[in-house]
PDB file of all heavy atoms in Angstrom:
ATOM      1  N   ASN A   1     -49.717  -6.581 -15.015  1.00  0.00           N
ATOM      2  CA  ASN A   1     -50.201  -7.120 -16.308  1.00  0.00           C
ATOM      3  C   ASN A   1     -49.627  -8.517 -16.627  1.00  0.00           C
ATOM      4  O   ASN A   1     -49.309  -8.815 -17.739  1.00  0.00           O
ATOM      5  CB  ASN A   1     -49.816  -6.122 -17.413  1.00  0.00           C
ATOM      6  CG  ASN A   1     -50.481  -4.793 -17.293  1.00  0.00           C
ATOM      7  OD1 ASN A   1     -51.708  -4.713 -16.972  1.00  0.00           O
ATOM      8  ND2 ASN A   1     -49.690  -3.719 -17.452  1.00  0.00           N
ATOM      9  N   GLY A   2     -49.586  -9.341 -15.585  1.00  0.00           N
ATOM     10  CA  GLY A   2     -49.145 -10.707 -15.755  1.00  0.00           C
ATOM     11  C   GLY A   2     -47.645 -10.887 -15.988  1.00  0.00           C
ATOM     12  O   GLY A   2     -47.187 -11.700 -16.730  1.00  0.00           O
ATOM     13  N   GLU A   3     -46.881 -10.061 -15.294  1.00  0.00           N
ATOM     14  CA  GLU A   3     -45.375 -10.103 -15.462  1.00  0.00           C
ATOM     15  C   GLU A   3     -44.857 -11.544 -15.251  1.00  0.00           C
ATOM     16  O   GLU A   3     -43.925 -11.940 -15.971  1.00  0.00           O
ATOM     17  CB  GLU A   3     -44.724  -9.120 -14.498  1.00  0.00           C
ATOM     18  CG  GLU A   3     -43.201  -9.135 -14.571  1.00  0.00           C
ATOM     19  CD  GLU A   3     -42.545  -8.172 -13.627  1.00  0.00           C
ATOM     20  OE1 GLU A   3     -43.246  -7.337 -13.020  1.00  0.00           O
ATOM     21  OE2 GLU A   3     -41.294  -8.233 -13.495  1.00  0.00           O
ATOM     22  N   PHE A   4     -45.368 -12.213 -14.312  1.00  0.00           N
ATOM     23  CA  PHE A   4     -44.797 -13.539 -13.968  1.00  0.00           C
ATOM     24  C   PHE A   4     -45.736 -14.711 -14.415  1.00  0.00           C
ATOM     25  O   PHE A   4     -45.254 -15.736 -14.754  1.00  0.00           O
ATOM     26  CB  PHE A   4     -44.504 -13.624 -12.473  1.00  0.00           C
ATOM     27  CG  PHE A   4     -43.441 -12.642 -12.017  1.00  0.00           C
ATOM     28  CD1 PHE A   4     -43.711 -11.719 -11.042  1.00  0.00           C
ATOM     29  CD2 PHE A   4     -42.193 -12.591 -12.647  1.00  0.00           C
ATOM     30  CE1 PHE A   4     -42.762 -10.781 -10.619  1.00  0.00           C
ATOM     31  CE2 PHE A   4     -41.208 -11.691 -12.274  1.00  0.00           C
ATOM     32  CZ  PHE A   4     -41.537 -10.760 -11.238  1.00  0.00           C
ATOM     33  N   GLY A   5     -47.023 -14.505 -14.319  1.00  0.00           N
ATOM     34  CA  GLY A   5     -47.907 -15.502 -14.788  1.00  0.00           C
ATOM     35  C   GLY A   5     -48.129 -16.695 -13.849  1.00  0.00           C
ATOM     36  O   GLY A   5     -47.275 -16.973 -12.991  1.00  0.00           O
ATOM     37  N   SER A   6     -49.221 -17.400 -14.029  1.00  0.00           N
ATOM     38  CA  SER A   6     -49.552 -18.579 -13.221  1.00  0.00           C
ATOM     39  C   SER A   6     -50.157 -19.625 -14.107  1.00  0.00           C
ATOM     40  O   SER A   6     -50.983 -19.304 -15.023  1.00  0.00           O
ATOM     41  CB  SER A   6     -50.505 -18.207 -12.111  1.00  0.00           C
ATOM     42  OG  SER A   6     -50.974 -19.365 -11.423  1.00  0.00           O
ATOM     43  N   THR A   7     -49.830 -20.898 -13.884  1.00  0.00           N
ATOM     44  CA  THR A   7     -50.362 -21.997 -14.643  1.00  0.00           C
ATOM     45  C   THR A   7     -51.250 -22.901 -13.821  1.00  0.00           C
ATOM     46  O   THR A   7     -51.517 -24.039 -14.177  1.00  0.00           O
ATOM     47  CB  THR A   7     -49.224 -22.807 -15.294  1.00  0.00           C
ATOM     48  OG1 THR A   7     -48.376 -23.327 -14.256  1.00  0.00           O
ATOM     49  CG2 THR A   7     -48.440 -21.942 -16.237  1.00  0.00           C
ATOM     50  N   LEU A   8     -51.685 -22.445 -12.648  1.00  0.00           N
ATOM     51  CA  LEU A   8     -52.540 -23.302 -11.800  1.00  0.00           C
ATOM     52  C   LEU A   8     -53.762 -23.743 -12.470  1.00  0.00           C
ATOM     53  O   LEU A   8     -54.298 -24.896 -12.188  1.00  0.00           O
ATOM     54  CB  LEU A   8     -52.884 -22.581 -10.478  1.00  0.00           C
ATOM     55  CG  LEU A   8     -53.518 -23.382  -9.397  1.00  0.00           C
ATOM     56  CD1 LEU A   8     -52.571 -24.486  -8.856  1.00  0.00           C
ATOM     57  CD2 LEU A   8     -54.034 -22.497  -8.254  1.00  0.00           C
ATOM     58  N   ASN A   9     -54.284 -22.928 -13.397  1.00  0.00           N
ATOM     59  CA  ASN A   9     -55.521 -23.316 -14.076  1.00  0.00           C
ATOM     60  C   ASN A   9     -55.258 -24.402 -15.131  1.00  0.00           C
ATOM     61  O   ASN A   9     -56.228 -24.974 -15.690  1.00  0.00           O
ATOM     62  CB  ASN A   9     -56.170 -22.116 -14.768  1.00  0.00           C
ATOM     63  CG  ASN A   9     -55.217 -21.435 -15.762  1.00  0.00           C
ATOM     64  OD1 ASN A   9     -54.015 -21.328 -15.491  1.00  0.00           O
ATOM     65  ND2 ASN A   9     -55.753 -20.974 -16.855  1.00  0.00           N
ATOM     66  N   GLU A  10     -54.014 -24.712 -15.434  1.00  0.00           N
ATOM     67  CA  GLU A  10     -53.698 -25.849 -16.305  1.00  0.00           C
ATOM     68  C   GLU A  10     -53.615 -27.092 -15.428  1.00  0.00           C
ATOM     69  O   GLU A  10     -52.587 -27.618 -15.048  1.00  0.00           O
ATOM     70  CB  GLU A  10     -52.368 -25.610 -16.993  1.00  0.00           C
ATOM     71  CG  GLU A  10     -52.454 -24.379 -17.939  1.00  0.00           C
ATOM     72  CD  GLU A  10     -51.094 -24.037 -18.538  1.00  0.00           C
ATOM     73  OE1 GLU A  10     -50.148 -24.821 -18.424  1.00  0.00           O
ATOM     74  OE2 GLU A  10     -50.987 -22.959 -19.180  1.00  0.00           O
ATOM     75  N   THR A  11     -54.816 -27.572 -15.119  1.00  0.00           N
ATOM     76  CA  THR A  11     -54.995 -28.515 -13.982  1.00  0.00           C
ATOM     77  C   THR A  11     -54.234 -29.872 -14.206  1.00  0.00           C
ATOM     78  O   THR A  11     -53.892 -30.480 -13.232  1.00  0.00           O
ATOM     79  CB  THR A  11     -56.477 -28.789 -13.765  1.00  0.00           C
ATOM     80  OG1 THR A  11     -57.015 -29.405 -14.919  1.00  0.00           O
ATOM     81  CG2 THR A  11     -57.212 -27.529 -13.411  1.00  0.00           C
ATOM     82  N   ARG A  12     -54.055 -30.219 -15.447  1.00  0.00           N
ATOM     83  CA  ARG A  12     -53.476 -31.593 -15.667  1.00  0.00           C
ATOM     84  C   ARG A  12     -51.970 -31.596 -15.446  1.00  0.00           C
ATOM     85  O   ARG A  12     -51.355 -32.624 -15.551  1.00  0.00           O
ATOM     86  CB  ARG A  12     -53.825 -32.015 -17.118  1.00  0.00           C
ATOM     87  CG  ARG A  12     -55.312 -32.196 -17.331  1.00  0.00           C
ATOM     88  CD  ARG A  12     -55.673 -32.871 -18.584  1.00  0.00           C
ATOM     89  NE  ARG A  12     -57.149 -32.846 -18.812  1.00  0.00           N
ATOM     90  CZ  ARG A  12     -57.782 -33.493 -19.730  1.00  0.00           C
ATOM     91  NH1 ARG A  12     -57.132 -34.230 -20.602  1.00  0.00           N
ATOM     92  NH2 ARG A  12     -59.112 -33.396 -19.850  1.00  0.00           N
ATOM     93  N   ARG A  13     -51.407 -30.444 -15.053  1.00  0.00           N
ATOM     94  CA  ARG A  13     -50.011 -30.416 -14.705  1.00  0.00           C
ATOM     95  C   ARG A  13     -49.698 -31.286 -13.476  1.00  0.00           C
ATOM     96  O   ARG A  13     -48.539 -31.665 -13.255  1.00  0.00           O
ATOM     97  CB  ARG A  13     -49.549 -28.974 -14.446  1.00  0.00           C
ATOM     98  CG  ARG A  13     -49.331 -28.197 -15.735  1.00  0.00           C
ATOM     99  CD  ARG A  13     -48.942 -26.741 -15.405  1.00  0.00           C
ATOM    100  NE  ARG A  13     -48.693 -25.930 -16.619  1.00  0.00           N
ATOM    101  CZ  ARG A  13     -47.514 -25.777 -17.193  1.00  0.00           C
ATOM    102  NH1 ARG A  13     -46.419 -26.434 -16.630  1.00  0.00           N
ATOM    103  NH2 ARG A  13     -47.337 -25.075 -18.266  1.00  0.00           N
ATOM    104  N   ILE A  14     -50.740 -31.511 -12.620  1.00  0.00           N
ATOM    105  CA  ILE A  14     -50.506 -32.301 -11.396  1.00  0.00           C
ATOM    106  C   ILE A  14     -50.869 -33.756 -11.612  1.00  0.00           C
ATOM    107  O   ILE A  14     -50.812 -34.553 -10.693  1.00  0.00           O
ATOM    108  CB  ILE A  14     -51.251 -31.763 -10.177  1.00  0.00           C
ATOM    109  CG1 ILE A  14     -52.790 -31.958 -10.316  1.00  0.00           C
ATOM    110  CG2 ILE A  14     -50.924 -30.275  -9.982  1.00  0.00           C
ATOM    111  CD1 ILE A  14     -53.484 -31.734  -9.001  1.00  0.00           C
ATOM    112  N   ASN A  15     -51.124 -34.178 -12.906  1.00  0.00           N
ATOM    113  CA  ASN A  15     -51.530 -35.561 -13.106  1.00  0.00           C
ATOM    114  C   ASN A  15     -50.431 -36.547 -12.773  1.00  0.00           C
ATOM    115  O   ASN A  15     -50.726 -37.720 -12.398  1.00  0.00           O
ATOM    116  CB  ASN A  15     -51.984 -35.750 -14.512  1.00  0.00           C
ATOM    117  CG  ASN A  15     -53.437 -35.294 -14.742  1.00  0.00           C
ATOM    118  OD1 ASN A  15     -54.000 -34.761 -13.847  1.00  0.00           O
ATOM    119  ND2 ASN A  15     -53.904 -35.537 -15.930  1.00  0.00           N
ATOM    120  N   SER A  16     -49.184 -36.136 -12.879  1.00  0.00           N
ATOM    121  CA  SER A  16     -48.102 -37.068 -12.556  1.00  0.00           C
ATOM    122  C   SER A  16     -48.161 -37.410 -11.063  1.00  0.00           C
ATOM    123  O   SER A  16     -47.860 -38.586 -10.692  1.00  0.00           O
ATOM    124  CB  SER A  16     -46.722 -36.458 -12.862  1.00  0.00           C
ATOM    125  OG  SER A  16     -46.534 -35.253 -12.157  1.00  0.00           O
ATOM    126  N   TYR A  17     -48.570 -36.495 -10.208  1.00  0.00           N
ATOM    127  CA  TYR A  17     -48.760 -36.778  -8.804  1.00  0.00           C
ATOM    128  C   TYR A  17     -50.003 -37.633  -8.609  1.00  0.00           C
ATOM    129  O   TYR A  17     -50.013 -38.668  -7.839  1.00  0.00           O
ATOM    130  CB  TYR A  17     -48.846 -35.535  -7.961  1.00  0.00           C
ATOM    131  CG  TYR A  17     -49.170 -35.888  -6.492  1.00  0.00           C
ATOM    132  CD1 TYR A  17     -48.209 -36.383  -5.640  1.00  0.00           C
ATOM    133  CD2 TYR A  17     -50.481 -35.688  -6.000  1.00  0.00           C
ATOM    134  CE1 TYR A  17     -48.532 -36.738  -4.337  1.00  0.00           C
ATOM    135  CE2 TYR A  17     -50.798 -36.036  -4.721  1.00  0.00           C
ATOM    136  CZ  TYR A  17     -49.843 -36.574  -3.890  1.00  0.00           C
ATOM    137  OH  TYR A  17     -50.120 -36.871  -2.605  1.00  0.00           O
ATOM    138  N   LEU A  18     -51.083 -37.314  -9.267  1.00  0.00           N
ATOM    139  CA  LEU A  18     -52.343 -37.990  -9.066  1.00  0.00           C
ATOM    140  C   LEU A  18     -52.278 -39.406  -9.474  1.00  0.00           C
ATOM    141  O   LEU A  18     -53.082 -40.220  -9.043  1.00  0.00           O
ATOM    142  CB  LEU A  18     -53.457 -37.237  -9.876  1.00  0.00           C
ATOM    143  CG  LEU A  18     -53.771 -35.795  -9.463  1.00  0.00           C
ATOM    144  CD1 LEU A  18     -54.853 -35.194 -10.334  1.00  0.00           C
ATOM    145  CD2 LEU A  18     -54.153 -35.715  -7.994  1.00  0.00           C
ATOM    146  N   THR A  19     -51.359 -39.755 -10.356  1.00  0.00           N
ATOM    147  CA  THR A  19     -51.233 -41.127 -10.803  1.00  0.00           C
ATOM    148  C   THR A  19     -50.017 -41.851 -10.158  1.00  0.00           C
ATOM    149  O   THR A  19     -49.729 -43.008 -10.502  1.00  0.00           O
ATOM    150  CB  THR A  19     -51.049 -41.204 -12.335  1.00  0.00           C
ATOM    151  OG1 THR A  19     -49.950 -40.389 -12.715  1.00  0.00           O
ATOM    152  CG2 THR A  19     -52.331 -40.708 -13.029  1.00  0.00           C
ATOM    153  N   ASN A  20     -49.397 -41.201  -9.204  1.00  0.00           N
ATOM    154  CA  ASN A  20     -48.268 -41.788  -8.470  1.00  0.00           C
ATOM    155  C   ASN A  20     -48.825 -42.776  -7.422  1.00  0.00           C
ATOM    156  O   ASN A  20     -49.663 -42.437  -6.646  1.00  0.00           O
ATOM    157  CB  ASN A  20     -47.476 -40.719  -7.753  1.00  0.00           C
ATOM    158  CG  ASN A  20     -46.217 -41.199  -7.101  1.00  0.00           C
ATOM    159  OD1 ASN A  20     -46.121 -42.361  -6.749  1.00  0.00           O
ATOM    160  ND2 ASN A  20     -45.268 -40.370  -6.974  1.00  0.00           N
ATOM    161  N   PRO A  21     -48.360 -44.017  -7.491  1.00  0.00           N
ATOM    162  CA  PRO A  21     -48.884 -44.994  -6.513  1.00  0.00           C
ATOM    163  C   PRO A  21     -48.651 -44.598  -5.071  1.00  0.00           C
ATOM    164  O   PRO A  21     -49.341 -45.082  -4.154  1.00  0.00           O
ATOM    165  CB  PRO A  21     -48.109 -46.291  -6.866  1.00  0.00           C
ATOM    166  CG  PRO A  21     -47.684 -46.119  -8.258  1.00  0.00           C
ATOM    167  CD  PRO A  21     -47.457 -44.637  -8.436  1.00  0.00           C
ATOM    168  N   GLU A  22     -47.641 -43.752  -4.781  1.00  0.00           N
ATOM    169  CA  GLU A  22     -47.377 -43.319  -3.449  1.00  0.00           C
ATOM    170  C   GLU A  22     -48.027 -42.027  -3.036  1.00  0.00           C
ATOM    171  O   GLU A  22     -47.675 -41.419  -2.017  1.00  0.00           O
ATOM    172  CB  GLU A  22     -45.849 -43.255  -3.255  1.00  0.00           C
ATOM    173  CG  GLU A  22     -45.115 -44.578  -3.407  1.00  0.00           C
ATOM    174  CD  GLU A  22     -43.636 -44.512  -3.101  1.00  0.00           C
ATOM    175  OE1 GLU A  22     -43.164 -43.370  -2.753  1.00  0.00           O
ATOM    176  OE2 GLU A  22     -42.991 -45.496  -3.243  1.00  0.00           O
ATOM    177  N   ARG A  23     -49.006 -41.570  -3.891  1.00  0.00           N
ATOM    178  CA  ARG A  23     -49.676 -40.335  -3.527  1.00  0.00           C
ATOM    179  C   ARG A  23     -50.491 -40.517  -2.230  1.00  0.00           C
ATOM    180  O   ARG A  23     -50.876 -41.650  -1.865  1.00  0.00           O
ATOM    181  CB  ARG A  23     -50.663 -39.932  -4.674  1.00  0.00           C
ATOM    182  CG  ARG A  23     -51.814 -40.860  -4.848  1.00  0.00           C
ATOM    183  CD  ARG A  23     -52.581 -40.500  -6.103  1.00  0.00           C
ATOM    184  NE  ARG A  23     -53.765 -41.299  -6.309  1.00  0.00           N
ATOM    185  CZ  ARG A  23     -53.765 -42.447  -6.944  1.00  0.00           C
ATOM    186  NH1 ARG A  23     -52.661 -43.015  -7.356  1.00  0.00           N
ATOM    187  NH2 ARG A  23     -54.936 -43.157  -7.116  1.00  0.00           N
ATOM    188  N   GLU A  24     -50.754 -39.414  -1.577  1.00  0.00           N
ATOM    189  CA  GLU A  24     -51.585 -39.376  -0.378  1.00  0.00           C
ATOM    190  C   GLU A  24     -52.676 -38.381  -0.541  1.00  0.00           C
ATOM    191  O   GLU A  24     -52.612 -37.455  -1.338  1.00  0.00           O
ATOM    192  CB  GLU A  24     -50.689 -39.115   0.846  1.00  0.00           C
ATOM    193  CG  GLU A  24     -49.644 -40.140   1.141  1.00  0.00           C
ATOM    194  CD  GLU A  24     -48.689 -39.727   2.242  1.00  0.00           C
ATOM    195  OE1 GLU A  24     -47.688 -39.069   1.891  1.00  0.00           O
ATOM    196  OE2 GLU A  24     -48.860 -40.044   3.402  1.00  0.00           O
ATOM    197  N   GLY A  25     -53.717 -38.544   0.286  1.00  0.00           N
ATOM    198  CA  GLY A  25     -54.913 -37.669   0.133  1.00  0.00           C
ATOM    199  C   GLY A  25     -54.763 -36.333   0.864  1.00  0.00           C
ATOM    200  O   GLY A  25     -53.967 -36.177   1.764  1.00  0.00           O
ATOM    201  N   ILE A  26     -55.565 -35.364   0.441  1.00  0.00           N
ATOM    202  CA  ILE A  26     -55.560 -34.040   1.034  1.00  0.00           C
ATOM    203  C   ILE A  26     -55.819 -34.104   2.514  1.00  0.00           C
ATOM    204  O   ILE A  26     -55.275 -33.296   3.271  1.00  0.00           O
ATOM    205  CB  ILE A  26     -56.647 -33.157   0.354  1.00  0.00           C
ATOM    206  CG1 ILE A  26     -56.233 -32.842  -1.090  1.00  0.00           C
ATOM    207  CG2 ILE A  26     -56.926 -31.914   1.132  1.00  0.00           C
ATOM    208  CD1 ILE A  26     -57.282 -32.103  -1.871  1.00  0.00           C
ATOM    209  N   ASN A  27     -56.622 -35.055   2.977  1.00  0.00           N
ATOM    210  CA  ASN A  27     -57.024 -35.116   4.375  1.00  0.00           C
ATOM    211  C   ASN A  27     -55.976 -35.723   5.255  1.00  0.00           C
ATOM    212  O   ASN A  27     -56.170 -35.861   6.471  1.00  0.00           O
ATOM    213  CB  ASN A  27     -58.350 -35.870   4.524  1.00  0.00           C
ATOM    214  CG  ASN A  27     -58.273 -37.254   4.016  1.00  0.00           C
ATOM    215  OD1 ASN A  27     -57.687 -37.529   2.984  1.00  0.00           O
ATOM    216  ND2 ASN A  27     -58.849 -38.185   4.744  1.00  0.00           N
ATOM    217  N   THR A  28     -54.796 -36.112   4.717  1.00  0.00           N
ATOM    218  CA  THR A  28     -53.713 -36.644   5.554  1.00  0.00           C
ATOM    219  C   THR A  28     -53.135 -35.509   6.399  1.00  0.00           C
ATOM    220  O   THR A  28     -52.789 -34.485   5.862  1.00  0.00           O
ATOM    221  CB  THR A  28     -52.629 -37.234   4.682  1.00  0.00           C
ATOM    222  OG1 THR A  28     -53.224 -38.163   3.714  1.00  0.00           O
ATOM    223  CG2 THR A  28     -51.640 -38.022   5.500  1.00  0.00           C
ATOM    224  N   TYR A  29     -52.987 -35.721   7.678  1.00  0.00           N
ATOM    225  CA  TYR A  29     -52.442 -34.727   8.548  1.00  0.00           C
ATOM    226  C   TYR A  29     -50.971 -34.405   8.142  1.00  0.00           C
ATOM    227  O   TYR A  29     -50.222 -35.252   7.692  1.00  0.00           O
ATOM    228  CB  TYR A  29     -52.450 -35.239  10.006  1.00  0.00           C
ATOM    229  CG  TYR A  29     -53.773 -35.230  10.679  1.00  0.00           C
ATOM    230  CD1 TYR A  29     -53.944 -35.734  11.965  1.00  0.00           C
ATOM    231  CD2 TYR A  29     -54.885 -34.715  10.032  1.00  0.00           C
ATOM    232  CE1 TYR A  29     -55.162 -35.767  12.599  1.00  0.00           C
ATOM    233  CE2 TYR A  29     -56.144 -34.730  10.642  1.00  0.00           C
ATOM    234  CZ  TYR A  29     -56.273 -35.268  11.926  1.00  0.00           C
ATOM    235  OH  TYR A  29     -57.520 -35.267  12.586  1.00  0.00           O
ATOM    236  N   PRO A  30     -50.593 -33.100   8.292  1.00  0.00           N
ATOM    237  CA  PRO A  30     -49.237 -32.702   7.764  1.00  0.00           C
ATOM    238  C   PRO A  30     -48.088 -33.420   8.453  1.00  0.00           C
ATOM    239  O   PRO A  30     -47.041 -33.609   7.839  1.00  0.00           O
ATOM    240  CB  PRO A  30     -49.202 -31.207   8.070  1.00  0.00           C
ATOM    241  CG  PRO A  30     -50.243 -30.972   9.150  1.00  0.00           C
ATOM    242  CD  PRO A  30     -51.310 -31.977   8.865  1.00  0.00           C
ATOM    243  N   ASP A  31     -48.201 -33.766   9.713  1.00  0.00           N
ATOM    244  CA  ASP A  31     -47.119 -34.483  10.368  1.00  0.00           C
ATOM    245  C   ASP A  31     -47.166 -35.975  10.076  1.00  0.00           C
ATOM    246  O   ASP A  31     -46.207 -36.684  10.449  1.00  0.00           O
ATOM    247  CB  ASP A  31     -47.266 -34.296  11.916  1.00  0.00           C
ATOM    248  CG  ASP A  31     -46.870 -32.861  12.350  1.00  0.00           C
ATOM    249  OD1 ASP A  31     -45.859 -32.381  11.797  1.00  0.00           O
ATOM    250  OD2 ASP A  31     -47.553 -32.293  13.173  1.00  0.00           O
ATOM    251  N   VAL A  32     -48.168 -36.447   9.362  1.00  0.00           N
ATOM    252  CA  VAL A  32     -48.237 -37.833   8.952  1.00  0.00           C
ATOM    253  C   VAL A  32     -47.792 -38.000   7.528  1.00  0.00           C
ATOM    254  O   VAL A  32     -47.135 -38.970   7.160  1.00  0.00           O
ATOM    255  CB  VAL A  32     -49.691 -38.381   9.141  1.00  0.00           C
ATOM    256  CG1 VAL A  32     -49.835 -39.762   8.607  1.00  0.00           C
ATOM    257  CG2 VAL A  32     -50.092 -38.308  10.587  1.00  0.00           C
ATOM    258  N   VAL A  33     -48.155 -37.057   6.639  1.00  0.00           N
ATOM    259  CA  VAL A  33     -47.900 -37.162   5.225  1.00  0.00           C
ATOM    260  C   VAL A  33     -46.391 -37.212   4.958  1.00  0.00           C
ATOM    261  O   VAL A  33     -45.592 -36.580   5.689  1.00  0.00           O
ATOM    262  CB  VAL A  33     -48.551 -35.990   4.511  1.00  0.00           C
ATOM    263  CG1 VAL A  33     -47.750 -34.694   4.715  1.00  0.00           C
ATOM    264  CG2 VAL A  33     -48.614 -36.253   2.987  1.00  0.00           C
TER     265      VAL A  33
END
C-alpha cells in the first residue's frame, strides 16, 4: 500500500540535471559517459 513510495512521476525533479551545462545525452555509451 505504498509503504515506501516513488516520486519518478514528479518529472521536474530532474530539471537540475537537464539544465546542467555538463549534462550528456541518453545515447552516450556507458563507458564514455
